[in-house]
Amino acid sequence: MADGRGSILEIRNLYKYYPGVTALSNVNLSFRRGEVHALCGENGAGKSTLIKAISGAIQPTSGEIIVEGKSYREMTPALSRACGIAVVYQEFTLAPVLTVMENIFMGDFPLRGIVIDRDAMYRESTKIFERMRVQVNPREHVKDLTTGYQQLVEIAKAISRNAKILIMDEPSAPLTANEVESMFNVVRALRDQGVTVVYISHRLEEI
């Protein structure tokens, strides 16, 4: 939809069956552009299965995933990323011995000829953290960061790939109360910039 607040992601009649188990049954959801959406449910409710279907990690048995008006019956990880979908899981996927900026651009390093352009990597990392309204040193090693800052690096990785839809799977699980509040500030900053955030939790007080 052309409207800035229109639907950016829709799930229609989504089913996922495993032998003897119905993981998703006729799921219908619509997520609006530039808003934060809470998805709440107890363990085993199907939240993770839904994320995996949207991100292309698994294929639904039937149904549609519609991104910006275009329908997909099957989603792959590469296609999901190309559609601007990114997932931040509660288990981090960082390389502790590498720097913050190396983690952000891992697999897609900016180049100057055939050499990694570290100056460009530093500049782009700084811009991403400015967009998130946080201060993180791109040259610091991830192993030297607190858990809360490591999560900010995970979010920065998603933003570096031009994410329009950011799915956060139980993001508060490893964080302290102060770190959770800092994360909420980042979520609000991204929302204000038009990013759709799908926040998944089983903690009603957070929702």
Protein backbone atom coordinates (compact mmCIF):
# COMPACT_ATOMS: atom_id res chain seq x y z
CA MET A 1 0.00 0.00 0.00
CA ALA A 2 1.19 3.50 -0.71
CA ASP A 3 0.05 4.84 2.63
CA GLY A 4 3.02 5.18 4.97
CA ARG A 5 1.08 3.47 7.75
CA GLY A 6 -0.29 0.69 5.54
CA SER A 7 0.33 -3.02 5.84
CA ILE A 8 3.89 -4.10 5.04
CA LEU A 9 3.64 -7.76 6.06
CA GLU A 10 0.62 -10.06 6.00
CA ILE A 11 0.24 -13.70 6.95
CA ARG A 12 -2.76 -15.42 5.38
CA ASN A 13 -4.15 -18.86 6.23
CA LEU A 14 -0.76 -20.19 7.30
CA TYR A 15 -0.53 -23.84 8.35
CA LYS A 16 2.45 -25.93 9.38
CA TYR A 17 2.08 -29.63 10.10
CA TYR A 18 4.68 -31.97 11.51
CA PRO A 19 4.03 -35.70 11.98
CA GLY A 20 1.43 -35.85 14.71
CA VAL A 21 1.66 -32.13 15.48
CA THR A 22 -0.07 -29.02 14.15
CA ALA A 23 2.43 -26.23 14.83
CA LEU A 24 0.46 -23.47 13.05
CA SER A 25 -3.25 -23.54 12.30
CA ASN A 26 -4.85 -20.94 10.02
CA VAL A 27 -2.69 -18.03 11.19
CA ASN A 28 -3.80 -14.64 9.87
CA LEU A 29 -1.86 -11.52 10.85
CA SER A 30 -1.22 -8.07 9.42
CA PHE A 31 1.67 -5.81 10.43
CA ARG A 32 1.60 -2.11 9.67
CA ARG A 33 4.54 -0.09 8.47
CA GLY A 34 6.46 1.88 11.10
CA GLU A 35 4.79 0.34 14.14
CA VAL A 36 5.78 -1.99 16.97
CA HIS A 37 3.69 -5.15 17.18
CA ALA A 38 3.67 -7.49 20.16
CA LEU A 39 3.31 -11.22 19.60
CA CYS A 40 2.73 -12.96 22.90
CA GLY A 41 2.26 -16.60 23.79
CA GLU A 42 3.46 -19.34 26.07
CA ASN A 43 6.21 -21.77 25.12
CA GLY A 44 4.93 -24.15 22.45
CA ALA A 45 2.36 -21.70 21.11
CA GLY A 46 4.00 -21.63 17.68
CA LYS A 47 5.84 -18.32 17.86
CA SER A 48 9.18 -19.75 16.76
CA THR A 49 7.57 -21.75 13.97
CA LEU A 50 5.96 -18.58 12.63
CA ILE A 51 9.28 -16.72 12.70
CA LYS A 52 10.99 -19.55 10.85
CA ALA A 53 8.30 -19.52 8.18
CA ILE A 54 8.59 -15.76 7.68
CA SER A 55 12.40 -15.88 7.59
CA GLY A 56 12.53 -18.86 5.24
CA ALA A 57 14.09 -21.28 7.71
CA ILE A 58 11.16 -23.67 7.20
CA GLN A 59 8.46 -23.99 4.55
CA PRO A 60 4.80 -23.73 5.63
CA THR A 61 2.47 -26.54 4.68
CA SER A 62 0.09 -24.03 3.12
CA GLY A 63 -0.78 -20.34 3.19
CA GLU A 64 0.73 -17.07 2.01
CA ILE A 65 3.33 -14.59 3.22
CA ILE A 66 2.72 -11.19 1.65
CA VAL A 67 5.44 -8.53 1.78
CA GLU A 68 4.59 -5.06 0.44
CA GLY A 69 1.74 -6.51 -1.58
CA LYS A 70 3.69 -9.37 -3.16
CA SER A 71 2.62 -12.90 -2.25
CA TYR A 72 5.01 -15.76 -1.48
CA ARG A 73 3.94 -19.33 -0.80
CA GLU A 74 7.51 -20.33 -0.07
CA MET A 75 10.17 -18.13 1.50
CA THR A 76 13.92 -18.79 1.55
CA PRO A 77 16.46 -17.07 3.83
CA ALA A 78 17.93 -15.17 0.87
CA LEU A 79 14.50 -14.10 -0.38
CA SER A 80 13.45 -13.06 3.11
CA ARG A 81 16.54 -10.84 3.43
CA ALA A 82 15.90 -9.40 -0.04
CA CYS A 83 12.39 -8.49 1.13
CA GLY A 84 13.88 -6.54 4.03
CA ILE A 85 13.07 -9.04 6.78
CA ALA A 86 15.61 -9.59 9.58
CA VAL A 87 15.41 -11.64 12.76
CA VAL A 88 17.24 -11.03 16.04
CA TYR A 89 17.22 -14.24 18.08
CA GLN A 90 17.80 -14.49 21.81
CA GLU A 91 20.85 -16.69 21.09
CA PHE A 92 23.49 -14.39 19.65
CA THR A 93 25.29 -15.29 16.40
CA LEU A 94 28.34 -13.10 16.95
CA ALA A 95 32.03 -13.95 16.62
CA PRO A 96 33.49 -12.81 19.98
CA VAL A 97 37.09 -12.50 18.77
CA LEU A 98 36.15 -10.09 15.98
CA THR A 99 35.43 -6.38 16.33
CA VAL A 100 31.96 -4.89 16.39
CA MET A 101 32.24 -3.60 12.83
CA GLU A 102 33.61 -6.93 11.55
CA ASN A 103 30.59 -8.68 13.04
CA ILE A 104 28.16 -6.21 11.51
CA PHE A 105 29.54 -6.66 7.99
CA MET A 106 30.60 -10.30 8.21
CA GLY A 107 29.99 -11.94 4.83
CA ASP A 108 29.50 -8.57 3.14
CA PHE A 109 32.65 -6.57 3.84
CA PRO A 110 33.06 -3.29 1.94
CA LEU A 111 36.05 -3.51 -0.38
CA ARG A 112 38.64 -1.15 -1.79
CA GLY A 113 39.76 -3.16 -4.78
CA ILE A 114 40.42 -6.61 -3.33
CA VAL A 115 41.20 -5.33 0.18
CA ILE A 116 38.64 -4.89 2.98
CA ASP A 117 37.92 -1.17 3.37
CA ARG A 118 38.11 -0.81 7.15
CA ASP A 119 37.62 2.96 7.04
CA ALA A 120 34.32 2.50 5.18
CA MET A 121 33.33 -0.25 7.59
CA TYR A 122 33.98 2.08 10.54
CA ARG A 123 32.03 4.97 8.95
CA GLU A 124 29.03 2.81 8.08
CA SER A 125 29.00 1.17 11.53
CA THR A 126 29.06 4.60 13.17
CA LYS A 127 26.11 5.73 11.04
CA ILE A 128 24.12 2.66 12.01
CA PHE A 129 24.67 3.25 15.73
CA GLU A 130 23.77 6.93 15.29
CA ARG A 131 20.54 5.80 13.66
CA MET A 132 19.90 3.52 16.65
CA ARG A 133 20.73 6.47 18.97
CA VAL A 134 23.33 4.49 20.92
CA GLN A 135 27.08 4.80 21.41
CA VAL A 136 29.13 1.73 20.59
CA ASN A 137 32.79 1.70 19.53
CA PRO A 138 32.92 -0.14 16.16
CA ARG A 139 36.55 -1.10 16.75
CA GLU A 140 35.92 -2.76 20.12
CA HIS A 141 36.01 -6.55 20.28
CA VAL A 142 32.65 -8.19 20.89
CA LYS A 143 34.08 -10.38 23.68
CA ASP A 144 34.71 -7.19 25.69
CA LEU A 145 31.08 -6.02 25.51
CA THR A 146 28.30 -6.61 28.01
CA THR A 147 25.37 -8.78 26.97
CA GLY A 148 23.24 -5.69 26.38
CA TYR A 149 25.79 -4.17 24.01
CA GLN A 150 26.22 -7.47 22.21
CA GLN A 151 22.52 -7.43 21.49
CA LEU A 152 22.85 -3.92 20.06
CA VAL A 153 25.45 -5.34 17.66
CA GLU A 154 22.96 -8.03 16.61
CA ILE A 155 20.38 -5.34 15.90
CA ALA A 156 22.99 -3.29 14.01
CA LYS A 157 23.72 -6.34 11.82
CA ALA A 158 20.04 -6.46 10.85
CA ILE A 159 19.89 -2.73 10.16
CA SER A 160 23.04 -2.89 8.01
CA ARG A 161 21.08 -5.09 5.60
CA ASN A 162 18.40 -2.41 5.18
CA ALA A 163 15.81 -4.23 7.25
CA LYS A 164 12.28 -2.89 6.86
CA ILE A 165 10.81 -5.55 9.16
CA LEU A 166 12.73 -6.45 12.32
CA ILE A 167 11.54 -9.53 14.21
CA MET A 168 12.86 -9.80 17.76
CA ASP A 169 12.51 -13.25 19.33
CA GLU A 170 12.41 -13.07 23.14
CA PRO A 171 15.08 -10.34 23.05
CA SER A 172 14.90 -9.52 26.76
CA ALA A 173 15.70 -13.07 27.93
CA PRO A 174 19.47 -12.53 28.53
CA LEU A 175 19.23 -8.87 29.61
CA THR A 176 19.13 -6.99 32.91
CA ALA A 177 16.27 -4.57 33.64
CA ASN A 178 18.40 -1.55 32.64
CA GLU A 179 19.50 -3.26 29.43
CA VAL A 180 15.87 -4.04 28.57
CA GLU A 181 14.95 -0.36 28.88
CA SER A 182 17.88 0.59 26.65
CA MET A 183 16.71 -1.95 24.09
CA PHE A 184 13.20 -0.46 24.17
CA ASN A 185 14.73 2.94 23.38
CA VAL A 186 16.37 1.43 20.30
CA VAL A 187 13.06 -0.15 19.27
CA ARG A 188 11.35 3.25 19.55
CA ALA A 189 14.10 4.91 17.51
CA LEU A 190 13.72 2.37 14.70
CA ARG A 191 9.94 2.67 14.80
CA ASP A 192 10.23 6.44 14.40
CA GLN A 193 12.31 5.81 11.25
CA GLY A 194 9.62 3.65 9.67
CA VAL A 195 10.91 0.20 10.58
CA THR A 196 8.23 -2.34 11.49
CA VAL A 197 9.19 -4.19 14.68
CA VAL A 198 7.59 -7.50 15.63
CA TYR A 199 8.39 -8.03 19.30
CA ILE A 200 7.91 -11.60 20.52
CA SER A 201 7.73 -12.40 24.20
CA HIS A 202 5.97 -14.50 26.81
CA ARG A 203 6.36 -11.71 29.40
CA LEU A 204 3.10 -9.79 29.64
CA GLU A 205 4.64 -6.99 31.71
CA GLU A 206 6.93 -6.14 28.77
CA ILE A 207 4.10 -6.11 26.29
